[in-house]
Amino acid sequence: MRHSVSPALILSVHPTLAGHRVVTLLGPERGVYQAMLFGGTKSKLRALVSPWHTGTVWLYDDHKIDLPKITDFDPASFRPGIRESLYNTWAASLASELVIQTRASGEYGRCWILVNAFLDGMDGAEHNDLRPALLRFLWRYLGLLGVRPGTGVCVRCETALGGGVYAPGESGFVCAACGGGREAPAGGLAVSDSALGYLRAVSTARPGAARVLVLAAGDQESLRALLFYLIQQAVGGLKTLETGRDVL
């Protein structure tokens, strides 16, 4: 028998046929794991243990069931703003699915900081800042996965990139000269100089500084197409992205 107490972010909650719940959590040291939440509809824990709440979880593992049991949860962040916006809800769901499917990329501490910061930002973001916040998160998560393409030089001629085209077959960006020739990359995704500059800044800037960067509407659209493609290529099918693309 073993009791434990640790920080946890609730990623998802799914009911069982018996009326209980299987909870998927993220911890800065334990990573992604599951636990059982027992109790009926009147249990206070059912309201406290909800997606995107971050706090302290108490677990009890008696080894008689496959998963440890949640005995208490003390939320430090409820993030009510996420549920008040359809976009926020889908974006947070995408983040949760991404973390679960990649098992936090094995980078538990870094993932903990990244995802909690993203959810905090979505909770308090203004409407015009919602899409850029998701794009920044996806770009940073590609870095966490170790598959983020370089934005410095063309993968063909190695000249410095201005605007260019992402070449799927080469897993990188080609310059305008290479991307516009007779051997233009099939299925290439064009991005402007300002869009690539935005990605470079996000890669190095502190979150507070990155939030004030201006991203033009046209660049938002091109980066949305690019980052959705890159994250799906890196992870595989994401149900949230497939079903909620029109919202996101």
C-alpha atoms as a PDB file:
ATOM      1  CA  MET A   1       0.000   0.000   0.000  1.00  0.00           C
ATOM      2  CA  ARG A   2       1.355   3.425  -0.900  1.00  0.00           C
ATOM      3  CA  HIS A   3       0.247   7.032  -0.589  1.00  0.00           C
ATOM      4  CA  SER A   4       1.732   9.840  -2.672  1.00  0.00           C
ATOM      5  CA  VAL A   5       1.255  13.578  -3.080  1.00  0.00           C
ATOM      6  CA  SER A   6       2.420  15.483  -6.147  1.00  0.00           C
ATOM      7  CA  PRO A   7       1.654  18.380  -8.535  1.00  0.00           C
ATOM      8  CA  ALA A   8      -0.682  17.412 -11.361  1.00  0.00           C
ATOM      9  CA  LEU A   9      -2.473  18.843 -14.379  1.00  0.00           C
ATOM     10  CA  ILE A  10      -5.724  17.131 -15.344  1.00  0.00           C
ATOM     11  CA  LEU A  11      -5.510  16.364 -19.067  1.00  0.00           C
ATOM     12  CA  SER A  12      -8.715  14.371 -19.589  1.00  0.00           C
ATOM     13  CA  VAL A  13     -11.528  12.632 -17.714  1.00  0.00           C
ATOM     14  CA  HIS A  14     -13.504   9.694 -19.126  1.00  0.00           C
ATOM     15  CA  PRO A  15     -16.448   7.891 -17.472  1.00  0.00           C
ATOM     16  CA  THR A  16     -16.493   4.123 -17.001  1.00  0.00           C
ATOM     17  CA  LEU A  17     -19.476   1.813 -17.378  1.00  0.00           C
ATOM     18  CA  ALA A  18     -19.611   1.512 -13.604  1.00  0.00           C
ATOM     19  CA  GLY A  19     -20.061   5.257 -13.207  1.00  0.00           C
ATOM     20  CA  HIS A  20     -16.520   6.023 -12.095  1.00  0.00           C
ATOM     21  CA  ARG A  21     -13.918   8.007 -14.034  1.00  0.00           C
ATOM     22  CA  VAL A  22     -10.530   7.340 -15.565  1.00  0.00           C
ATOM     23  CA  VAL A  23      -8.392  10.472 -15.220  1.00  0.00           C
ATOM     24  CA  THR A  24      -5.283  11.183 -17.271  1.00  0.00           C
ATOM     25  CA  LEU A  25      -2.807  13.488 -15.567  1.00  0.00           C
ATOM     26  CA  LEU A  26       0.528  15.157 -16.252  1.00  0.00           C
ATOM     27  CA  GLY A  27       3.129  15.563 -13.533  1.00  0.00           C
ATOM     28  CA  PRO A  28       6.502  17.350 -13.772  1.00  0.00           C
ATOM     29  CA  GLU A  29       8.317  14.224 -12.565  1.00  0.00           C
ATOM     30  CA  ARG A  30       5.910  11.365 -13.246  1.00  0.00           C
ATOM     31  CA  GLY A  31       4.903  12.411 -16.745  1.00  0.00           C
ATOM     32  CA  VAL A  32       1.607  11.228 -18.235  1.00  0.00           C
ATOM     33  CA  TYR A  33      -0.282   8.641 -16.195  1.00  0.00           C
ATOM     34  CA  GLN A  34      -3.794   7.515 -15.321  1.00  0.00           C
ATOM     35  CA  ALA A  35      -5.694   7.192 -12.053  1.00  0.00           C
ATOM     36  CA  MET A  36      -9.203   6.202 -10.989  1.00  0.00           C
ATOM     37  CA  LEU A  37     -11.714   8.629  -9.529  1.00  0.00           C
ATOM     38  CA  PHE A  38     -14.439   6.832  -7.593  1.00  0.00           C
ATOM     39  CA  GLY A  39     -17.662   8.316  -6.298  1.00  0.00           C
ATOM     40  CA  GLY A  40     -21.093   9.372  -7.492  1.00  0.00           C
ATOM     41  CA  THR A  41     -22.347  12.615  -8.942  1.00  0.00           C
ATOM     42  CA  LYS A  42     -22.488  14.262  -5.499  1.00  0.00           C
ATOM     43  CA  SER A  43     -18.784  13.755  -4.854  1.00  0.00           C
ATOM     44  CA  LYS A  44     -16.942  17.076  -4.577  1.00  0.00           C
ATOM     45  CA  LEU A  45     -13.958  15.524  -6.331  1.00  0.00           C
ATOM     46  CA  ARG A  46     -15.917  15.126  -9.560  1.00  0.00           C
ATOM     47  CA  ALA A  47     -16.084  18.913  -9.870  1.00  0.00           C
ATOM     48  CA  LEU A  48     -12.515  19.514  -8.718  1.00  0.00           C
ATOM     49  CA  VAL A  49     -10.928  16.855 -10.917  1.00  0.00           C
ATOM     50  CA  SER A  50     -11.763  18.420 -14.280  1.00  0.00           C
ATOM     51  CA  PRO A  51      -9.744  18.980 -17.459  1.00  0.00           C
ATOM     52  CA  TRP A  52      -7.194  21.802 -17.335  1.00  0.00           C
ATOM     53  CA  HIS A  53      -7.248  22.199 -13.562  1.00  0.00           C
ATOM     54  CA  THR A  54      -3.753  22.254 -12.074  1.00  0.00           C
ATOM     55  CA  GLY A  55      -3.067  21.540  -8.432  1.00  0.00           C
ATOM     56  CA  THR A  56      -1.972  18.898  -5.949  1.00  0.00           C
ATOM     57  CA  VAL A  57      -3.212  15.323  -6.202  1.00  0.00           C
ATOM     58  CA  TRP A  58      -3.301  12.679  -3.460  1.00  0.00           C
ATOM     59  CA  LEU A  59      -3.056   9.095  -4.719  1.00  0.00           C
ATOM     60  CA  TYR A  60      -3.497   5.740  -3.036  1.00  0.00           C
ATOM     61  CA  ASP A  61      -2.169   2.596  -4.669  1.00  0.00           C
ATOM     62  CA  ASP A  62      -3.113  -0.703  -3.030  1.00  0.00           C
ATOM     63  CA  HIS A  63      -2.103  -2.814  -6.062  1.00  0.00           C
ATOM     64  CA  LYS A  64      -5.522  -4.496  -6.064  1.00  0.00           C
ATOM     65  CA  ILE A  65      -6.617  -2.479  -9.071  1.00  0.00           C
ATOM     66  CA  ASP A  66      -4.637  -1.567 -12.158  1.00  0.00           C
ATOM     67  CA  LEU A  67      -4.661   2.179 -11.499  1.00  0.00           C
ATOM     68  CA  PRO A  68      -4.028   4.242  -8.361  1.00  0.00           C
ATOM     69  CA  LYS A  69      -7.019   5.914  -6.731  1.00  0.00           C
ATOM     70  CA  ILE A  70      -7.386   9.681  -6.434  1.00  0.00           C
ATOM     71  CA  THR A  71      -8.260  10.382  -2.794  1.00  0.00           C
ATOM     72  CA  ASP A  72      -8.063  14.177  -2.919  1.00  0.00           C
ATOM     73  CA  PHE A  73      -7.244  17.038  -5.262  1.00  0.00           C
ATOM     74  CA  ASP A  74      -6.516  20.657  -4.344  1.00  0.00           C
ATOM     75  CA  PRO A  75      -6.730  22.886  -7.457  1.00  0.00           C
ATOM     76  CA  ALA A  76      -4.450  25.909  -7.607  1.00  0.00           C
ATOM     77  CA  SER A  77      -5.678  26.948 -11.093  1.00  0.00           C
ATOM     78  CA  PHE A  78      -9.245  26.425 -12.313  1.00  0.00           C
ATOM     79  CA  ARG A  79      -8.909  28.378 -15.604  1.00  0.00           C
ATOM     80  CA  PRO A  80     -12.627  29.121 -16.097  1.00  0.00           C
ATOM     81  CA  GLY A  81     -11.920  31.234 -19.186  1.00  0.00           C
ATOM     82  CA  ILE A  82     -11.105  28.118 -21.190  1.00  0.00           C
ATOM     83  CA  ARG A  83     -14.650  26.776 -20.906  1.00  0.00           C
ATOM     84  CA  GLU A  84     -16.190  30.138 -21.736  1.00  0.00           C
ATOM     85  CA  SER A  85     -14.813  30.094 -25.284  1.00  0.00           C
ATOM     86  CA  LEU A  86     -15.363  27.434 -27.949  1.00  0.00           C
ATOM     87  CA  TYR A  87     -11.974  28.184 -29.461  1.00  0.00           C
ATOM     88  CA  ASN A  88     -10.247  27.938 -26.087  1.00  0.00           C
ATOM     89  CA  THR A  89     -11.919  24.618 -25.343  1.00  0.00           C
ATOM     90  CA  TRP A  90     -10.808  23.098 -28.645  1.00  0.00           C
ATOM     91  CA  ALA A  91      -7.296  24.522 -28.322  1.00  0.00           C
ATOM     92  CA  ALA A  92      -6.914  23.178 -24.785  1.00  0.00           C
ATOM     93  CA  SER A  93      -8.278  19.803 -25.923  1.00  0.00           C
ATOM     94  CA  LEU A  94      -5.699  19.730 -28.721  1.00  0.00           C
ATOM     95  CA  ALA A  95      -2.921  20.461 -26.233  1.00  0.00           C
ATOM     96  CA  SER A  96      -4.139  17.687 -23.934  1.00  0.00           C
ATOM     97  CA  GLU A  97      -4.364  15.141 -26.742  1.00  0.00           C
ATOM     98  CA  LEU A  98      -0.920  16.117 -27.984  1.00  0.00           C
ATOM     99  CA  VAL A  99       0.639  15.609 -24.550  1.00  0.00           C
ATOM    100  CA  ILE A 100      -1.148  12.289 -24.024  1.00  0.00           C
ATOM    101  CA  GLN A 101      -0.292  10.895 -27.450  1.00  0.00           C
ATOM    102  CA  THR A 102       3.389  11.855 -27.209  1.00  0.00           C
ATOM    103  CA  ARG A 103       3.689  10.949 -23.508  1.00  0.00           C
ATOM    104  CA  ALA A 104       5.029  14.476 -22.962  1.00  0.00           C
ATOM    105  CA  SER A 105       7.933  13.519 -25.274  1.00  0.00           C
ATOM    106  CA  GLY A 106       9.731  12.157 -22.220  1.00  0.00           C
ATOM    107  CA  GLU A 107      10.521  15.765 -21.285  1.00  0.00           C
ATOM    108  CA  TYR A 108       8.232  15.883 -18.278  1.00  0.00           C
ATOM    109  CA  GLY A 109       9.518  19.041 -16.606  1.00  0.00           C
ATOM    110  CA  ARG A 110       9.731  21.069 -19.797  1.00  0.00           C
ATOM    111  CA  CYS A 111       6.321  19.854 -20.946  1.00  0.00           C
ATOM    112  CA  TRP A 112       4.815  20.723 -17.568  1.00  0.00           C
ATOM    113  CA  ILE A 113       6.021  24.315 -17.845  1.00  0.00           C
ATOM    114  CA  LEU A 114       5.044  24.672 -21.508  1.00  0.00           C
ATOM    115  CA  VAL A 115       1.515  23.285 -21.222  1.00  0.00           C
ATOM    116  CA  ASN A 116       0.626  25.056 -17.994  1.00  0.00           C
ATOM    117  CA  ALA A 117       1.879  28.353 -19.411  1.00  0.00           C
ATOM    118  CA  PHE A 118      -0.188  27.805 -22.560  1.00  0.00           C
ATOM    119  CA  LEU A 119      -3.351  27.042 -20.586  1.00  0.00           C
ATOM    120  CA  ASP A 120      -2.794  30.058 -18.356  1.00  0.00           C
ATOM    121  CA  GLY A 121      -2.435  32.205 -21.458  1.00  0.00           C
ATOM    122  CA  MET A 122      -5.585  30.825 -23.076  1.00  0.00           C
ATOM    123  CA  ASP A 123      -7.518  31.373 -19.862  1.00  0.00           C
ATOM    124  CA  GLY A 124      -6.827  35.099 -19.886  1.00  0.00           C
ATOM    125  CA  ALA A 125      -6.212  35.870 -23.569  1.00  0.00           C
ATOM    126  CA  GLU A 126      -8.172  38.401 -25.549  1.00  0.00           C
ATOM    127  CA  HIS A 127     -10.053  37.126 -28.594  1.00  0.00           C
ATOM    128  CA  ASN A 128      -7.511  38.455 -31.099  1.00  0.00           C
ATOM    129  CA  ASP A 129      -4.672  36.720 -29.260  1.00  0.00           C
ATOM    130  CA  LEU A 130      -6.151  33.207 -29.237  1.00  0.00           C
ATOM    131  CA  ARG A 131      -4.880  31.878 -32.565  1.00  0.00           C
ATOM    132  CA  PRO A 132      -1.339  33.284 -32.204  1.00  0.00           C
ATOM    133  CA  ALA A 133      -1.181  31.674 -28.745  1.00  0.00           C
ATOM    134  CA  LEU A 134      -2.002  28.255 -30.214  1.00  0.00           C
ATOM    135  CA  LEU A 135       0.478  28.712 -33.064  1.00  0.00           C
ATOM    136  CA  ARG A 136       3.230  29.615 -30.597  1.00  0.00           C
ATOM    137  CA  PHE A 137       2.407  26.574 -28.487  1.00  0.00           C
ATOM    138  CA  LEU A 138       2.531  24.202 -31.452  1.00  0.00           C
ATOM    139  CA  TRP A 139       5.856  25.633 -32.632  1.00  0.00           C
ATOM    140  CA  ARG A 140       7.332  25.238 -29.152  1.00  0.00           C
ATOM    141  CA  TYR A 141       5.947  21.727 -28.834  1.00  0.00           C
ATOM    142  CA  LEU A 142       7.645  20.764 -32.106  1.00  0.00           C
ATOM    143  CA  GLY A 143      10.846  21.921 -30.427  1.00  0.00           C
ATOM    144  CA  LEU A 144      10.065  19.755 -27.412  1.00  0.00           C
ATOM    145  CA  LEU A 145       9.627  16.786 -29.750  1.00  0.00           C
ATOM    146  CA  GLY A 146      12.927  17.581 -31.433  1.00  0.00           C
ATOM    147  CA  VAL A 147      11.415  17.847 -34.921  1.00  0.00           C
ATOM    148  CA  ARG A 148      11.120  21.592 -35.402  1.00  0.00           C
ATOM    149  CA  PRO A 149      12.575  22.593 -38.799  1.00  0.00           C
ATOM    150  CA  GLY A 150      15.320  25.157 -38.958  1.00  0.00           C
ATOM    151  CA  THR A 151      14.408  28.672 -40.092  1.00  0.00           C
ATOM    152  CA  GLY A 152      17.883  30.003 -40.787  1.00  0.00           C
ATOM    153  CA  VAL A 153      19.000  28.702 -44.181  1.00  0.00           C
ATOM    154  CA  CYS A 154      17.558  26.989 -47.240  1.00  0.00           C
ATOM    155  CA  VAL A 155      17.920  23.207 -47.005  1.00  0.00           C
ATOM    156  CA  ARG A 156      18.898  23.090 -50.697  1.00  0.00           C
ATOM    157  CA  CYS A 157      21.316  25.941 -51.333  1.00  0.00           C
ATOM    158  CA  GLU A 158      22.090  26.951 -47.732  1.00  0.00           C
ATOM    159  CA  THR A 159      21.500  30.638 -48.385  1.00  0.00           C
ATOM    160  CA  ALA A 160      19.873  32.705 -45.635  1.00  0.00           C
ATOM    161  CA  LEU A 161      16.107  32.400 -45.678  1.00  0.00           C
ATOM    162  CA  GLY A 162      13.783  35.295 -46.242  1.00  0.00           C
ATOM    163  CA  GLY A 163      10.401  34.039 -47.218  1.00  0.00           C
ATOM    164  CA  GLY A 164      10.249  30.547 -48.592  1.00  0.00           C
ATOM    165  CA  VAL A 165       8.423  27.263 -48.906  1.00  0.00           C
ATOM    166  CA  TYR A 166       8.332  24.333 -46.520  1.00  0.00           C
ATOM    167  CA  ALA A 167       9.284  21.253 -48.550  1.00  0.00           C
ATOM    168  CA  PRO A 168       7.665  18.134 -47.031  1.00  0.00           C
ATOM    169  CA  GLY A 169      10.005  15.754 -48.841  1.00  0.00           C
ATOM    170  CA  GLU A 170      13.044  17.558 -47.441  1.00  0.00           C
ATOM    171  CA  SER A 171      11.677  18.277 -43.955  1.00  0.00           C
ATOM    172  CA  GLY A 172      12.765  21.881 -44.145  1.00  0.00           C
ATOM    173  CA  PHE A 173      12.378  25.275 -45.770  1.00  0.00           C
ATOM    174  CA  VAL A 174      13.669  26.161 -49.204  1.00  0.00           C
ATOM    175  CA  CYS A 175      14.262  29.726 -50.304  1.00  0.00           C
ATOM    176  CA  ALA A 176      12.057  31.539 -52.783  1.00  0.00           C
ATOM    177  CA  ALA A 177      14.536  30.890 -55.598  1.00  0.00           C
ATOM    178  CA  CYS A 178      14.676  27.140 -54.976  1.00  0.00           C
ATOM    179  CA  GLY A 179      10.984  26.845 -54.187  1.00  0.00           C
ATOM    180  CA  GLY A 180       9.869  28.643 -57.302  1.00  0.00           C
ATOM    181  CA  GLY A 181      11.932  26.730 -59.842  1.00  0.00           C
ATOM    182  CA  ARG A 182      11.011  23.791 -62.003  1.00  0.00           C
ATOM    183  CA  GLU A 183      11.736  21.486 -59.061  1.00  0.00           C
ATOM    184  CA  ALA A 184       9.392  23.264 -56.714  1.00  0.00           C
ATOM    185  CA  PRO A 185       8.506  21.013 -53.760  1.00  0.00           C
ATOM    186  CA  ALA A 186       5.305  19.020 -54.205  1.00  0.00           C
ATOM    187  CA  GLY A 187       2.748  20.031 -51.617  1.00  0.00           C
ATOM    188  CA  GLY A 188       4.965  22.887 -50.445  1.00  0.00           C
ATOM    189  CA  LEU A 189       3.600  25.379 -47.931  1.00  0.00           C
ATOM    190  CA  ALA A 190       4.618  28.976 -48.611  1.00  0.00           C
ATOM    191  CA  VAL A 191       5.518  31.306 -45.741  1.00  0.00           C
ATOM    192  CA  SER A 192       6.514  34.949 -45.851  1.00  0.00           C
ATOM    193  CA  ASP A 193       9.669  36.532 -44.499  1.00  0.00           C
ATOM    194  CA  SER A 194       7.643  38.070 -41.659  1.00  0.00           C
ATOM    195  CA  ALA A 195       6.075  34.703 -40.784  1.00  0.00           C
ATOM    196  CA  LEU A 196       9.474  33.011 -40.588  1.00  0.00           C
ATOM    197  CA  GLY A 197      10.748  35.948 -38.549  1.00  0.00           C
ATOM    198  CA  TYR A 198       7.862  35.412 -36.146  1.00  0.00           C
ATOM    199  CA  LEU A 199       8.805  31.742 -35.703  1.00  0.00           C
ATOM    200  CA  ARG A 200      12.433  32.687 -35.078  1.00  0.00           C
ATOM    201  CA  ALA A 201      11.386  35.176 -32.421  1.00  0.00           C
ATOM    202  CA  VAL A 202       9.077  32.680 -30.729  1.00  0.00           C
ATOM    203  CA  SER A 203      11.937  30.181 -30.611  1.00  0.00           C
ATOM    204  CA  THR A 204      14.092  32.476 -28.496  1.00  0.00           C
ATOM    205  CA  ALA A 205      11.887  35.119 -26.869  1.00  0.00           C
ATOM    206  CA  ARG A 206      10.541  34.871 -23.348  1.00  0.00           C
ATOM    207  CA  PRO A 207       6.781  34.124 -23.256  1.00  0.00           C
ATOM    208  CA  GLY A 208       5.924  37.678 -22.183  1.00  0.00           C
ATOM    209  CA  ALA A 209       7.881  39.160 -25.064  1.00  0.00           C
ATOM    210  CA  ALA A 210       6.476  36.662 -27.556  1.00  0.00           C
ATOM    211  CA  ARG A 211       2.892  37.511 -26.614  1.00  0.00           C
ATOM    212  CA  VAL A 212       3.278  41.108 -27.786  1.00  0.00           C
ATOM    213  CA  LEU A 213       4.698  40.193 -31.203  1.00  0.00           C
ATOM    214  CA  VAL A 214       2.389  41.240 -34.041  1.00  0.00           C
ATOM    215  CA  LEU A 215       1.324  38.554 -36.518  1.00  0.00           C
ATOM    216  CA  ALA A 216      -0.555  39.727 -39.617  1.00  0.00           C
ATOM    217  CA  ALA A 217      -3.771  37.956 -40.583  1.00  0.00           C
ATOM    218  CA  GLY A 218      -2.228  36.523 -43.751  1.00  0.00           C
ATOM    219  CA  ASP A 219       0.732  35.183 -41.793  1.00  0.00           C
ATOM    220  CA  GLN A 220      -1.623  33.624 -39.271  1.00  0.00           C
ATOM    221  CA  GLU A 221      -3.304  31.650 -42.030  1.00  0.00           C
ATOM    222  CA  SER A 222      -0.060  30.426 -43.586  1.00  0.00           C
ATOM    223  CA  LEU A 223       1.417  29.452 -40.216  1.00  0.00           C
ATOM    224  CA  ARG A 224      -1.817  27.735 -39.223  1.00  0.00           C
ATOM    225  CA  ALA A 225      -1.608  25.525 -42.328  1.00  0.00           C
ATOM    226  CA  LEU A 226       2.096  24.890 -41.773  1.00  0.00           C
ATOM    227  CA  LEU A 227       1.944  24.088 -38.056  1.00  0.00           C
ATOM    228  CA  PHE A 228      -1.136  21.882 -38.317  1.00  0.00           C
ATOM    229  CA  TYR A 229       0.672  19.928 -41.025  1.00  0.00           C
ATOM    230  CA  LEU A 230       3.927  19.673 -39.075  1.00  0.00           C
ATOM    231  CA  ILE A 231       2.304  18.552 -35.833  1.00  0.00           C
ATOM    232  CA  GLN A 232       0.247  15.898 -37.608  1.00  0.00           C
ATOM    233  CA  GLN A 233       3.320  14.631 -39.429  1.00  0.00           C
ATOM    234  CA  ALA A 234       5.233  14.451 -36.167  1.00  0.00           C
ATOM    235  CA  VAL A 235       2.528  12.806 -34.068  1.00  0.00           C
ATOM    236  CA  GLY A 236       0.114  11.112 -36.445  1.00  0.00           C
ATOM    237  CA  GLY A 237      -3.637  11.556 -36.415  1.00  0.00           C
ATOM    238  CA  LEU A 238      -4.983  13.951 -33.800  1.00  0.00           C
ATOM    239  CA  LYS A 239      -8.732  13.558 -33.389  1.00  0.00           C
ATOM    240  CA  THR A 240      -9.136  17.028 -31.911  1.00  0.00           C
ATOM    241  CA  LEU A 241      -7.455  18.612 -34.894  1.00  0.00           C
ATOM    242  CA  GLU A 242      -9.300  16.482 -37.423  1.00  0.00           C
ATOM    243  CA  THR A 243     -12.758  17.176 -35.975  1.00  0.00           C
ATOM    244  CA  GLY A 244     -12.153  20.737 -34.771  1.00  0.00           C
ATOM    245  CA  ARG A 245     -10.142  22.147 -37.667  1.00  0.00           C
ATOM    246  CA  ASP A 246     -12.956  24.513 -38.690  1.00  0.00           C
ATOM    247  CA  VAL A 247     -13.000  25.962 -35.161  1.00  0.00           C
ATOM    248  CA  LEU A 248      -9.253  26.170 -34.763  1.00  0.00           C
END
